[in-house]
């Protein structure tokens, strides 16, 4: 009979954690909604500059999601930094609400949990 060997604690398990995969899939699924908001004109009803902010956010978000999918630390830092910038812009323009903080905060917290497993 063969013995099951325990993985040493210093060795990280290979692959992407399921939770990171779920975050990425949710993010990738949210991108078409961002595009729709820009194209439909709904974003222009918020403020004339808001479609541009959504467009930049979508591009930065896509880049960060690809980096997160590849388990890169820079993606976590970039997403966190851009989330702070977005919050400051919304706050400065009077468009901020506590609800705007919930999703980015949850995403960032979950990404930082897995940061040690990233390259």
PDB file of N, CA and C in Angstrom:
ATOM      1  N   UNK A   1       0.837  -1.184   0.000  1.00  0.00           N
ATOM      2  CA  UNK A   1       0.000   0.000   0.000  1.00  0.00           C
ATOM      3  C   UNK A   1       0.874   1.236   0.000  1.00  0.00           C
ATOM      4  N   UNK A   2       0.364   2.239  -0.658  1.00  0.00           N
ATOM      5  CA  UNK A   2       1.131   3.486  -0.692  1.00  0.00           C
ATOM      6  C   UNK A   2       0.630   4.420   0.395  1.00  0.00           C
ATOM      7  N   UNK A   3       1.554   5.166   0.917  1.00  0.00           N
ATOM      8  CA  UNK A   3       1.204   6.121   1.959  1.00  0.00           C
ATOM      9  C   UNK A   3       0.904   7.472   1.327  1.00  0.00           C
ATOM     10  N   UNK A   4      -0.047   8.164   1.884  1.00  0.00           N
ATOM     11  CA  UNK A   4      -0.363   9.508   1.433  1.00  0.00           C
ATOM     12  C   UNK A   4       0.596  10.454   2.122  1.00  0.00           C
ATOM     13  N   UNK A   5       1.281  11.242   1.325  1.00  0.00           N
ATOM     14  CA  UNK A   5       2.236  12.177   1.889  1.00  0.00           C
ATOM     15  C   UNK A   5       1.591  13.550   2.031  1.00  0.00           C
ATOM     16  N   UNK A   6       1.821  14.160   3.145  1.00  0.00           N
ATOM     17  CA  UNK A   6       1.289  15.501   3.379  1.00  0.00           C
ATOM     18  C   UNK A   6       2.139  16.515   2.626  1.00  0.00           C
ATOM     19  N   UNK A   7       1.475  17.534   2.123  1.00  0.00           N
ATOM     20  CA  UNK A   7       2.175  18.614   1.442  1.00  0.00           C
ATOM     21  C   UNK A   7       2.780  19.516   2.510  1.00  0.00           C
ATOM     22  N   UNK A   8       4.069  19.803   2.415  1.00  0.00           N
ATOM     23  CA  UNK A   8       4.681  20.689   3.407  1.00  0.00           C
ATOM     24  C   UNK A   8       3.977  22.047   3.407  1.00  0.00           C
ATOM     25  N   UNK A   9       3.845  22.650   4.586  1.00  0.00           N
ATOM     26  CA  UNK A   9       3.103  23.904   4.708  1.00  0.00           C
ATOM     27  C   UNK A   9       3.748  25.051   3.939  1.00  0.00           C
ATOM     28  N   UNK A  10       5.039  25.009   3.703  1.00  0.00           N
ATOM     29  CA  UNK A  10       5.714  26.073   2.971  1.00  0.00           C
ATOM     30  C   UNK A  10       5.408  26.008   1.479  1.00  0.00           C
ATOM     31  N   UNK A  11       4.947  24.878   1.006  1.00  0.00           N
ATOM     32  CA  UNK A  11       4.660  24.702  -0.416  1.00  0.00           C
ATOM     33  C   UNK A  11       3.225  25.131  -0.696  1.00  0.00           C
ATOM     34  N   UNK A  12       3.047  25.981  -1.696  1.00  0.00           N
ATOM     35  CA  UNK A  12       1.711  26.458  -2.031  1.00  0.00           C
ATOM     36  C   UNK A  12       1.050  25.506  -3.010  1.00  0.00           C
ATOM     37  N   UNK A  13      -0.255  25.274  -2.845  1.00  0.00           N
ATOM     38  CA  UNK A  13      -0.939  24.415  -3.802  1.00  0.00           C
ATOM     39  C   UNK A  13      -0.991  25.084  -5.166  1.00  0.00           C
ATOM     40  N   UNK A  14      -0.857  24.291  -6.223  1.00  0.00           N
ATOM     41  CA  UNK A  14      -0.847  24.873  -7.568  1.00  0.00           C
ATOM     42  C   UNK A  14      -2.248  25.303  -7.998  1.00  0.00           C
ATOM     43  N   UNK A  15      -2.286  26.146  -9.002  1.00  0.00           N
ATOM     44  CA  UNK A  15      -3.563  26.525  -9.591  1.00  0.00           C
ATOM     45  C   UNK A  15      -4.194  27.739  -8.945  1.00  0.00           C
ATOM     46  N   UNK A  16      -5.295  28.145  -9.543  1.00  0.00           N
ATOM     47  CA  UNK A  16      -6.038  29.306  -9.095  1.00  0.00           C
ATOM     48  C   UNK A  16      -7.110  28.876  -8.109  1.00  0.00           C
ATOM     49  N   UNK A  17      -7.230  29.562  -6.982  1.00  0.00           N
ATOM     50  CA  UNK A  17      -8.298  29.231  -6.035  1.00  0.00           C
ATOM     51  C   UNK A  17      -9.672  29.441  -6.678  1.00  0.00           C
ATOM     52  N   UNK A  18     -10.627  28.652  -6.273  1.00  0.00           N
ATOM     53  CA  UNK A  18     -11.973  28.728  -6.826  1.00  0.00           C
ATOM     54  C   UNK A  18     -12.559  30.124  -6.628  1.00  0.00           C
ATOM     55  N   UNK A  19     -12.334  30.713  -5.480  1.00  0.00           N
ATOM     56  CA  UNK A  19     -12.896  32.026  -5.205  1.00  0.00           C
ATOM     57  C   UNK A  19     -12.351  33.093  -6.160  1.00  0.00           C
ATOM     58  N   UNK A  20     -11.085  33.009  -6.482  1.00  0.00           N
ATOM     59  CA  UNK A  20     -10.502  33.948  -7.452  1.00  0.00           C
ATOM     60  C   UNK A  20     -11.134  33.720  -8.824  1.00  0.00           C
ATOM     61  N   UNK A  21     -11.345  32.471  -9.201  1.00  0.00           N
ATOM     62  CA  UNK A  21     -12.017  32.175 -10.474  1.00  0.00           C
ATOM     63  C   UNK A  21     -13.420  32.767 -10.499  1.00  0.00           C
ATOM     64  N   UNK A  22     -14.131  32.658  -9.381  1.00  0.00           N
ATOM     65  CA  UNK A  22     -15.490  33.199  -9.306  1.00  0.00           C
ATOM     66  C   UNK A  22     -15.460  34.726  -9.434  1.00  0.00           C
ATOM     67  N   UNK A  23     -14.519  35.381  -8.740  1.00  0.00           N
ATOM     68  CA  UNK A  23     -14.399  36.832  -8.849  1.00  0.00           C
ATOM     69  C   UNK A  23     -14.133  37.254 -10.289  1.00  0.00           C
ATOM     70  N   UNK A  24     -13.256  36.525 -10.960  1.00  0.00           N
ATOM     71  CA  UNK A  24     -12.934  36.845 -12.343  1.00  0.00           C
ATOM     72  C   UNK A  24     -14.147  36.659 -13.252  1.00  0.00           C
ATOM     73  N   UNK A  25     -14.854  35.568 -13.092  1.00  0.00           N
ATOM     74  CA  UNK A  25     -16.029  35.313 -13.928  1.00  0.00           C
ATOM     75  C   UNK A  25     -17.089  36.393 -13.695  1.00  0.00           C
ATOM     76  N   UNK A  26     -17.329  36.751 -12.443  1.00  0.00           N
ATOM     77  CA  UNK A  26     -18.289  37.820 -12.133  1.00  0.00           C
ATOM     78  C   UNK A  26     -17.836  39.125 -12.781  1.00  0.00           C
ATOM     79  N   UNK A  27     -16.558  39.422 -12.680  1.00  0.00           N
ATOM     80  CA  UNK A  27     -16.017  40.629 -13.301  1.00  0.00           C
ATOM     81  C   UNK A  27     -16.151  40.620 -14.805  1.00  0.00           C
ATOM     82  N   UNK A  28     -15.813  39.484 -15.429  1.00  0.00           N
ATOM     83  CA  UNK A  28     -15.929  39.384 -16.890  1.00  0.00           C
ATOM     84  C   UNK A  28     -17.384  39.510 -17.331  1.00  0.00           C
ATOM     85  N   UNK A  29     -18.307  38.973 -16.540  1.00  0.00           N
ATOM     86  CA  UNK A  29     -19.724  39.079 -16.876  1.00  0.00           C
ATOM     87  C   UNK A  29     -20.252  40.498 -16.693  1.00  0.00           C
ATOM     88  N   UNK A  30     -19.646  41.265 -15.797  1.00  0.00           N
ATOM     89  CA  UNK A  30     -20.064  42.643 -15.572  1.00  0.00           C
ATOM     90  C   UNK A  30     -19.591  43.610 -16.637  1.00  0.00           C
ATOM     91  N   UNK A  31     -18.547  43.258 -17.365  1.00  0.00           N
ATOM     92  CA  UNK A  31     -18.012  44.161 -18.391  1.00  0.00           C
ATOM     93  C   UNK A  31     -19.015  44.481 -19.501  1.00  0.00           C
ATOM     94  N   UNK A  32     -19.777  43.505 -20.017  1.00  0.00           N
ATOM     95  CA  UNK A  32     -20.768  43.864 -21.050  1.00  0.00           C
ATOM     96  C   UNK A  32     -21.813  44.858 -20.541  1.00  0.00           C
ATOM     97  N   UNK A  33     -22.142  44.791 -19.254  1.00  0.00           N
ATOM     98  CA  UNK A  33     -23.097  45.748 -18.701  1.00  0.00           C
ATOM     99  C   UNK A  33     -22.515  47.158 -18.714  1.00  0.00           C
ATOM    100  N   UNK A  34     -21.226  47.269 -18.433  1.00  0.00           N
ATOM    101  CA  UNK A  34     -20.555  48.565 -18.485  1.00  0.00           C
ATOM    102  C   UNK A  34     -20.599  49.121 -19.902  1.00  0.00           C
ATOM    103  N   UNK A  35     -20.306  48.274 -20.869  1.00  0.00           N
ATOM    104  CA  UNK A  35     -20.357  48.703 -22.276  1.00  0.00           C
ATOM    105  C   UNK A  35     -21.773  49.133 -22.636  1.00  0.00           C
ATOM    106  N   UNK A  36     -22.767  48.378 -22.199  1.00  0.00           N
ATOM    107  CA  UNK A  36     -24.154  48.715 -22.497  1.00  0.00           C
ATOM    108  C   UNK A  36     -24.530  50.070 -21.896  1.00  0.00           C
ATOM    109  N   UNK A  37     -24.095  50.345 -20.660  1.00  0.00           N
ATOM    110  CA  UNK A  37     -24.391  51.631 -20.024  1.00  0.00           C
ATOM    111  C   UNK A  37     -23.808  52.790 -20.822  1.00  0.00           C
ATOM    112  N   UNK A  38     -22.617  52.582 -21.373  1.00  0.00           N
ATOM    113  CA  UNK A  38     -21.971  53.633 -22.155  1.00  0.00           C
ATOM    114  C   UNK A  38     -22.692  53.824 -23.494  1.00  0.00           C
ATOM    115  N   UNK A  39     -22.942  52.730 -24.196  1.00  0.00           N
ATOM    116  CA  UNK A  39     -23.527  52.783 -25.536  1.00  0.00           C
ATOM    117  C   UNK A  39     -24.987  53.235 -25.494  1.00  0.00           C
ATOM    118  N   UNK A  40     -25.725  52.825 -24.471  1.00  0.00           N
ATOM    119  CA  UNK A  40     -27.153  53.145 -24.398  1.00  0.00           C
ATOM    120  C   UNK A  40     -27.409  54.607 -24.070  1.00  0.00           C
ATOM    121  N   UNK A  41     -26.417  55.283 -23.565  1.00  0.00           N
ATOM    122  CA  UNK A  41     -26.610  56.673 -23.179  1.00  0.00           C
ATOM    123  C   UNK A  41     -27.052  56.836 -21.742  1.00  0.00           C
ATOM    124  N   UNK A  42     -27.291  55.739 -21.052  1.00  0.00           N
ATOM    125  CA  UNK A  42     -27.730  55.809 -19.656  1.00  0.00           C
ATOM    126  C   UNK A  42     -26.672  56.487 -18.784  1.00  0.00           C
ATOM    127  N   UNK A  43     -25.418  56.252 -19.071  1.00  0.00           N
ATOM    128  CA  UNK A  43     -24.342  56.846 -18.273  1.00  0.00           C
ATOM    129  C   UNK A  43     -24.273  58.358 -18.479  1.00  0.00           C
ATOM    130  N   UNK A  44     -24.606  58.827 -19.667  1.00  0.00           N
ATOM    131  CA  UNK A  44     -24.563  60.268 -19.943  1.00  0.00           C
ATOM    132  C   UNK A  44     -25.609  61.019 -19.125  1.00  0.00           C
ATOM    133  N   UNK A  45     -26.660  60.318 -18.713  1.00  0.00           N
ATOM    134  CA  UNK A  45     -27.679  60.939 -17.878  1.00  0.00           C
ATOM    135  C   UNK A  45     -27.186  61.239 -16.477  1.00  0.00           C
ATOM    136  N   UNK A  46     -26.134  60.565 -16.044  1.00  0.00           N
ATOM    137  CA  UNK A  46     -25.561  60.808 -14.718  1.00  0.00           C
ATOM    138  C   UNK A  46     -24.762  62.109 -14.736  1.00  0.00           C
ATOM    139  N   UNK A  47     -23.857  62.212 -15.671  1.00  0.00           N
ATOM    140  CA  UNK A  47     -23.028  63.405 -15.866  1.00  0.00           C
ATOM    141  C   UNK A  47     -22.396  63.292 -17.248  1.00  0.00           C
ATOM    142  N   UNK A  48     -22.093  64.410 -17.886  1.00  0.00           N
ATOM    143  CA  UNK A  48     -21.527  64.346 -19.243  1.00  0.00           C
ATOM    144  C   UNK A  48     -20.192  63.601 -19.326  1.00  0.00           C
ATOM    145  N   UNK A  49     -19.411  63.624 -18.263  1.00  0.00           N
ATOM    146  CA  UNK A  49     -18.097  62.979 -18.244  1.00  0.00           C
ATOM    147  C   UNK A  49     -18.158  61.527 -17.770  1.00  0.00           C
ATOM    148  N   UNK A  50     -19.321  61.104 -17.279  1.00  0.00           N
ATOM    149  CA  UNK A  50     -19.434  59.771 -16.677  1.00  0.00           C
ATOM    150  C   UNK A  50     -19.190  58.624 -17.659  1.00  0.00           C
ATOM    151  N   UNK A  51     -19.643  58.718 -18.919  1.00  0.00           N
ATOM    152  CA  UNK A  51     -19.314  57.626 -19.857  1.00  0.00           C
ATOM    153  C   UNK A  51     -17.810  57.420 -20.033  1.00  0.00           C
ATOM    154  N   UNK A  52     -17.054  58.518 -20.033  1.00  0.00           N
ATOM    155  CA  UNK A  52     -15.594  58.401 -20.143  1.00  0.00           C
ATOM    156  C   UNK A  52     -15.024  57.673 -18.924  1.00  0.00           C
ATOM    157  N   UNK A  53     -15.500  58.040 -17.727  1.00  0.00           N
ATOM    158  CA  UNK A  53     -15.041  57.361 -16.513  1.00  0.00           C
ATOM    159  C   UNK A  53     -15.386  55.874 -16.568  1.00  0.00           C
ATOM    160  N   UNK A  54     -16.594  55.546 -17.008  1.00  0.00           N
ATOM    161  CA  UNK A  54     -16.978  54.130 -17.125  1.00  0.00           C
ATOM    162  C   UNK A  54     -16.112  53.403 -18.147  1.00  0.00           C
ATOM    163  N   UNK A  55     -15.813  54.067 -19.246  1.00  0.00           N
ATOM    164  CA  UNK A  55     -14.962  53.445 -20.262  1.00  0.00           C
ATOM    165  C   UNK A  55     -13.570  53.149 -19.744  1.00  0.00           C
ATOM    166  N   UNK A  56     -12.976  54.130 -19.081  1.00  0.00           N
ATOM    167  CA  UNK A  56     -11.640  53.925 -18.498  1.00  0.00           C
ATOM    168  C   UNK A  56     -11.704  52.849 -17.421  1.00  0.00           C
ATOM    169  N   UNK A  57     -12.749  52.891 -16.602  1.00  0.00           N
ATOM    170  CA  UNK A  57     -12.912  51.871 -15.560  1.00  0.00           C
ATOM    171  C   UNK A  57     -13.039  50.474 -16.158  1.00  0.00           C
ATOM    172  N   UNK A  58     -13.766  50.373 -17.260  1.00  0.00           N
ATOM    173  CA  UNK A  58     -13.926  49.081 -17.923  1.00  0.00           C
ATOM    174  C   UNK A  58     -12.609  48.536 -18.454  1.00  0.00           C
ATOM    175  N   UNK A  59     -11.813  49.413 -19.052  1.00  0.00           N
ATOM    176  CA  UNK A  59     -10.515  48.988 -19.608  1.00  0.00           C
ATOM    177  C   UNK A  59      -9.560  48.582 -18.478  1.00  0.00           C
ATOM    178  N   UNK A  60      -9.472  49.429 -17.457  1.00  0.00           N
ATOM    179  CA  UNK A  60      -8.605  49.104 -16.314  1.00  0.00           C
ATOM    180  C   UNK A  60      -9.098  47.828 -15.633  1.00  0.00           C
ATOM    181  N   UNK A  61     -10.408  47.710 -15.490  1.00  0.00           N
ATOM    182  CA  UNK A  61     -10.981  46.508 -14.880  1.00  0.00           C
ATOM    183  C   UNK A  61     -10.652  45.250 -15.664  1.00  0.00           C
ATOM    184  N   UNK A  62     -10.747  45.337 -16.984  1.00  0.00           N
ATOM    185  CA  UNK A  62     -10.420  44.183 -17.834  1.00  0.00           C
ATOM    186  C   UNK A  62      -8.957  43.778 -17.668  1.00  0.00           C
ATOM    187  N   UNK A  63      -8.076  44.763 -17.692  1.00  0.00           N
ATOM    188  CA  UNK A  63      -6.642  44.474 -17.515  1.00  0.00           C
ATOM    189  C   UNK A  63      -6.396  43.824 -16.151  1.00  0.00           C
ATOM    190  N   UNK A  64      -7.024  44.360 -15.127  1.00  0.00           N
ATOM    191  CA  UNK A  64      -6.856  43.801 -13.776  1.00  0.00           C
ATOM    192  C   UNK A  64      -7.440  42.390 -13.685  1.00  0.00           C
ATOM    193  N   UNK A  65      -8.577  42.153 -14.326  1.00  0.00           N
ATOM    194  CA  UNK A  65      -9.167  40.810 -14.310  1.00  0.00           C
ATOM    195  C   UNK A  65      -8.278  39.790 -15.001  1.00  0.00           C
ATOM    196  N   UNK A  66      -7.682  40.184 -16.111  1.00  0.00           N
ATOM    197  CA  UNK A  66      -6.757  39.271 -16.801  1.00  0.00           C
ATOM    198  C   UNK A  66      -5.562  38.976 -15.899  1.00  0.00           C
ATOM    199  N   UNK A  67      -5.031  40.014 -15.250  1.00  0.00           N
ATOM    200  CA  UNK A  67      -3.915  39.810 -14.321  1.00  0.00           C
ATOM    201  C   UNK A  67      -4.304  38.942 -13.140  1.00  0.00           C
ATOM    202  N   UNK A  68      -5.503  39.145 -12.631  1.00  0.00           N
ATOM    203  CA  UNK A  68      -5.979  38.322 -11.518  1.00  0.00           C
ATOM    204  C   UNK A  68      -6.169  36.876 -11.956  1.00  0.00           C
ATOM    205  N   UNK A  69      -6.698  36.669 -13.154  1.00  0.00           N
ATOM    206  CA  UNK A  69      -6.871  35.322 -13.696  1.00  0.00           C
ATOM    207  C   UNK A  69      -5.522  34.613 -13.772  1.00  0.00           C
ATOM    208  N   UNK A  70      -4.481  35.383 -14.088  1.00  0.00           N
ATOM    209  CA  UNK A  70      -3.127  34.824 -14.181  1.00  0.00           C
ATOM    210  C   UNK A  70      -2.424  34.809 -12.822  1.00  0.00           C
ATOM    211  N   UNK A  71      -3.169  35.195 -11.756  1.00  0.00           N
ATOM    212  CA  UNK A  71      -2.649  35.190 -10.380  1.00  0.00           C
ATOM    213  C   UNK A  71      -1.431  36.105 -10.222  1.00  0.00           C
ATOM    214  N   UNK A  72      -1.574  37.341 -10.678  1.00  0.00           N
ATOM    215  CA  UNK A  72      -0.495  38.323 -10.583  1.00  0.00           C
ATOM    216  C   UNK A  72      -0.793  39.331  -9.473  1.00  0.00           C
ATOM    217  N   UNK A  73       0.192  39.601  -8.645  1.00  0.00           N
ATOM    218  CA  UNK A  73       0.024  40.545  -7.544  1.00  0.00           C
ATOM    219  C   UNK A  73      -0.264  41.956  -8.040  1.00  0.00           C
ATOM    220  N   UNK A  74       0.357  42.343  -9.161  1.00  0.00           N
ATOM    221  CA  UNK A  74       0.159  43.696  -9.658  1.00  0.00           C
ATOM    222  C   UNK A  74      -1.312  43.969  -9.944  1.00  0.00           C
ATOM    223  N   UNK A  75      -2.073  42.936 -10.306  1.00  0.00           N
ATOM    224  CA  UNK A  75      -3.490  43.116 -10.609  1.00  0.00           C
ATOM    225  C   UNK A  75      -4.263  43.522  -9.358  1.00  0.00           C
ATOM    226  N   UNK A  76      -3.918  42.953  -8.226  1.00  0.00           N
ATOM    227  CA  UNK A  76      -4.574  43.287  -6.957  1.00  0.00           C
ATOM    228  C   UNK A  76      -4.259  44.725  -6.585  1.00  0.00           C
ATOM    229  N   UNK A  77      -2.989  45.097  -6.674  1.00  0.00           N
ATOM    230  CA  UNK A  77      -2.591  46.458  -6.325  1.00  0.00           C
ATOM    231  C   UNK A  77      -3.206  47.480  -7.282  1.00  0.00           C
ATOM    232  N   UNK A  78      -3.209  47.171  -8.569  1.00  0.00           N
ATOM    233  CA  UNK A  78      -3.783  48.090  -9.559  1.00  0.00           C
ATOM    234  C   UNK A  78      -5.282  48.255  -9.346  1.00  0.00           C
ATOM    235  N   UNK A  79      -5.986  47.155  -9.095  1.00  0.00           N
ATOM    236  CA  UNK A  79      -7.427  47.228  -8.865  1.00  0.00           C
ATOM    237  C   UNK A  79      -7.722  48.049  -7.611  1.00  0.00           C
ATOM    238  N   UNK A  80      -6.969  47.813  -6.547  1.00  0.00           N
ATOM    239  CA  UNK A  80      -7.181  48.548  -5.292  1.00  0.00           C
ATOM    240  C   UNK A  80      -6.916  50.044  -5.496  1.00  0.00           C
ATOM    241  N   UNK A  81      -5.840  50.373  -6.187  1.00  0.00           N
ATOM    242  CA  UNK A  81      -5.509  51.779  -6.425  1.00  0.00           C
ATOM    243  C   UNK A  81      -6.576  52.449  -7.283  1.00  0.00           C
ATOM    244  N   UNK A  82      -7.017  51.782  -8.327  1.00  0.00           N
ATOM    245  CA  UNK A  82      -8.028  52.385  -9.195  1.00  0.00           C
ATOM    246  C   UNK A  82      -9.373  52.497  -8.485  1.00  0.00           C
ATOM    247  N   UNK A  83      -9.674  51.556  -7.611  1.00  0.00           N
ATOM    248  CA  UNK A  83     -10.917  51.637  -6.838  1.00  0.00           C
ATOM    249  C   UNK A  83     -10.892  52.866  -5.930  1.00  0.00           C
ATOM    250  N   UNK A  84      -9.755  53.155  -5.314  1.00  0.00           N
ATOM    251  CA  UNK A  84      -9.623  54.342  -4.476  1.00  0.00           C
ATOM    252  C   UNK A  84      -9.795  55.602  -5.322  1.00  0.00           C
ATOM    253  N   UNK A  85      -9.153  55.633  -6.486  1.00  0.00           N
ATOM    254  CA  UNK A  85      -9.279  56.788  -7.386  1.00  0.00           C
ATOM    255  C   UNK A  85     -10.740  56.990  -7.788  1.00  0.00           C
ATOM    256  N   UNK A  86     -11.413  55.906  -8.142  1.00  0.00           N
ATOM    257  CA  UNK A  86     -12.828  55.995  -8.514  1.00  0.00           C
ATOM    258  C   UNK A  86     -13.665  56.555  -7.370  1.00  0.00           C
ATOM    259  N   UNK A  87     -13.425  56.070  -6.155  1.00  0.00           N
ATOM    260  CA  UNK A  87     -14.181  56.545  -4.991  1.00  0.00           C
ATOM    261  C   UNK A  87     -13.948  58.043  -4.774  1.00  0.00           C
ATOM    262  N   UNK A  88     -12.706  58.486  -4.937  1.00  0.00           N
ATOM    263  CA  UNK A  88     -12.388  59.903  -4.763  1.00  0.00           C
ATOM    264  C   UNK A  88     -13.071  60.756  -5.825  1.00  0.00           C
ATOM    265  N   UNK A  89     -13.090  60.271  -7.069  1.00  0.00           N
ATOM    266  CA  UNK A  89     -13.766  61.005  -8.144  1.00  0.00           C
ATOM    267  C   UNK A  89     -15.261  61.119  -7.843  1.00  0.00           C
ATOM    268  N   UNK A  90     -15.870  60.011  -7.460  1.00  0.00           N
ATOM    269  CA  UNK A  90     -17.300  60.032  -7.143  1.00  0.00           C
ATOM    270  C   UNK A  90     -17.587  60.951  -5.952  1.00  0.00           C
ATOM    271  N   UNK A  91     -16.721  60.925  -4.957  1.00  0.00           N
ATOM    272  CA  UNK A  91     -16.889  61.776  -3.782  1.00  0.00           C
ATOM    273  C   UNK A  91     -16.759  63.257  -4.158  1.00  0.00           C
ATOM    274  N   UNK A  92     -15.742  63.581  -4.949  1.00  0.00           N
ATOM    275  CA  UNK A  92     -15.488  64.975  -5.344  1.00  0.00           C
ATOM    276  C   UNK A  92     -16.601  65.538  -6.220  1.00  0.00           C
ATOM    277  N   UNK A  93     -17.273  64.677  -6.955  1.00  0.00           N
ATOM    278  CA  UNK A  93     -18.327  65.154  -7.860  1.00  0.00           C
ATOM    279  C   UNK A  93     -19.727  65.033  -7.263  1.00  0.00           C
ATOM    280  N   UNK A  94     -19.802  64.572  -6.041  1.00  0.00           N
ATOM    281  CA  UNK A  94     -21.090  64.452  -5.382  1.00  0.00           C
ATOM    282  C   UNK A  94     -21.904  63.247  -5.808  1.00  0.00           C
ATOM    283  N   UNK A  95     -21.285  62.295  -6.483  1.00  0.00           N
ATOM    284  CA  UNK A  95     -21.990  61.101  -6.948  1.00  0.00           C
ATOM    285  C   UNK A  95     -21.752  59.884  -6.069  1.00  0.00           C
ATOM    286  N   UNK A  96     -20.950  60.051  -5.015  1.00  0.00           N
ATOM    287  CA  UNK A  96     -20.589  58.917  -4.168  1.00  0.00           C
ATOM    288  C   UNK A  96     -21.762  58.509  -3.286  1.00  0.00           C
ATOM    289  N   UNK A  97     -21.877  57.213  -3.082  1.00  0.00           N
ATOM    290  CA  UNK A  97     -22.828  56.675  -2.105  1.00  0.00           C
ATOM    291  C   UNK A  97     -22.160  55.476  -1.440  1.00  0.00           C
ATOM    292  N   UNK A  98     -22.586  55.121  -0.246  1.00  0.00           N
ATOM    293  CA  UNK A  98     -21.986  53.967   0.434  1.00  0.00           C
ATOM    294  C   UNK A  98     -22.098  52.683  -0.391  1.00  0.00           C
ATOM    295  N   UNK A  99     -23.128  52.559  -1.200  1.00  0.00           N
ATOM    296  CA  UNK A  99     -23.285  51.365  -2.034  1.00  0.00           C
ATOM    297  C   UNK A  99     -22.160  51.238  -3.058  1.00  0.00           C
ATOM    298  N   UNK A 100     -21.592  52.377  -3.479  1.00  0.00           N
ATOM    299  CA  UNK A 100     -20.500  52.356  -4.453  1.00  0.00           C
ATOM    300  C   UNK A 100     -19.231  51.754  -3.859  1.00  0.00           C
ATOM    301  N   UNK A 101     -19.210  51.610  -2.548  1.00  0.00           N
ATOM    302  CA  UNK A 101     -18.018  51.110  -1.869  1.00  0.00           C
ATOM    303  C   UNK A 101     -18.082  49.612  -1.586  1.00  0.00           C
ATOM    304  N   UNK A 102     -19.270  49.038  -1.585  1.00  0.00           N
ATOM    305  CA  UNK A 102     -19.450  47.648  -1.147  1.00  0.00           C
ATOM    306  C   UNK A 102     -18.738  46.650  -2.055  1.00  0.00           C
ATOM    307  N   UNK A 103     -19.046  46.644  -3.336  1.00  0.00           N
ATOM    308  CA  UNK A 103     -18.466  45.638  -4.246  1.00  0.00           C
ATOM    309  C   UNK A 103     -16.949  45.760  -4.337  1.00  0.00           C
ATOM    310  N   UNK A 104     -16.396  46.975  -4.566  1.00  0.00           N
ATOM    311  CA  UNK A 104     -14.926  47.051  -4.608  1.00  0.00           C
ATOM    312  C   UNK A 104     -14.266  46.601  -3.304  1.00  0.00           C
ATOM    313  N   UNK A 105     -14.863  46.933  -2.175  1.00  0.00           N
ATOM    314  CA  UNK A 105     -14.277  46.546  -0.889  1.00  0.00           C
ATOM    315  C   UNK A 105     -14.259  45.030  -0.728  1.00  0.00           C
ATOM    316  N   UNK A 106     -15.356  44.382  -1.070  1.00  0.00           N
ATOM    317  CA  UNK A 106     -15.426  42.918  -0.972  1.00  0.00           C
ATOM    318  C   UNK A 106     -14.408  42.284  -1.922  1.00  0.00           C
ATOM    319  N   UNK A 107     -14.359  42.754  -3.174  1.00  0.00           N
ATOM    320  CA  UNK A 107     -13.407  42.209  -4.145  1.00  0.00           C
ATOM    321  C   UNK A 107     -11.969  42.373  -3.653  1.00  0.00           C
ATOM    322  N   UNK A 108     -11.641  43.574  -3.191  1.00  0.00           N
ATOM    323  CA  UNK A 108     -10.268  43.836  -2.738  1.00  0.00           C
ATOM    324  C   UNK A 108      -9.914  42.967  -1.536  1.00  0.00           C
ATOM    325  N   UNK A 109     -10.816  42.851  -0.580  1.00  0.00           N
ATOM    326  CA  UNK A 109     -10.551  42.021   0.606  1.00  0.00           C
ATOM    327  C   UNK A 109     -10.299  40.569   0.210  1.00  0.00           C
ATOM    328  N   UNK A 110     -11.127  40.046  -0.686  1.00  0.00           N
ATOM    329  CA  UNK A 110     -10.947  38.654  -1.112  1.00  0.00           C
ATOM    330  C   UNK A 110      -9.656  38.469  -1.907  1.00  0.00           C
ATOM    331  N   UNK A 111      -9.299  39.462  -2.725  1.00  0.00           N
ATOM    332  CA  UNK A 111      -8.054  39.360  -3.496  1.00  0.00           C
ATOM    333  C   UNK A 111      -6.844  39.394  -2.563  1.00  0.00           C
ATOM    334  N   UNK A 112      -6.883  40.247  -1.532  1.00  0.00           N
ATOM    335  CA  UNK A 112      -5.750  40.335  -0.609  1.00  0.00           C
ATOM    336  C   UNK A 112      -5.589  39.066   0.223  1.00  0.00           C
ATOM    337  N   UNK A 113      -6.673  38.342   0.452  1.00  0.00           N
ATOM    338  CA  UNK A 113      -6.564  37.067   1.165  1.00  0.00           C
ATOM    339  C   UNK A 113      -5.661  36.100   0.396  1.00  0.00           C
ATOM    340  N   UNK A 114      -5.769  36.119  -0.934  1.00  0.00           N
ATOM    341  CA  UNK A 114      -5.005  35.199  -1.764  1.00  0.00           C
ATOM    342  C   UNK A 114      -3.712  35.803  -2.297  1.00  0.00           C
ATOM    343  N   UNK A 115      -3.380  37.016  -1.911  1.00  0.00           N
ATOM    344  CA  UNK A 115      -2.173  37.674  -2.401  1.00  0.00           C
ATOM    345  C   UNK A 115      -0.908  36.847  -2.184  1.00  0.00           C
ATOM    346  N   UNK A 116      -0.721  36.188  -1.028  1.00  0.00           N
ATOM    347  CA  UNK A 116       0.507  35.402  -0.848  1.00  0.00           C
ATOM    348  C   UNK A 116       0.641  34.251  -1.857  1.00  0.00           C
ATOM    349  N   UNK A 117      -0.457  33.815  -2.448  1.00  0.00           N
ATOM    350  CA  UNK A 117      -0.390  32.710  -3.416  1.00  0.00           C
ATOM    351  C   UNK A 117      -0.134  33.195  -4.841  1.00  0.00           C
ATOM    352  N   UNK A 118      -0.046  34.518  -4.996  1.00  0.00           N
ATOM    353  CA  UNK A 118       0.143  35.080  -6.340  1.00  0.00           C
ATOM    354  C   UNK A 118       1.620  35.351  -6.614  1.00  0.00           C
ATOM    355  N   UNK A 119       1.911  35.471  -7.903  1.00  0.00           N
ATOM    356  CA  UNK A 119       3.294  35.776  -8.324  1.00  0.00           C
ATOM    357  C   UNK A 119       3.448  37.245  -8.590  1.00  0.00           C
TER     358      UNK A 119
END
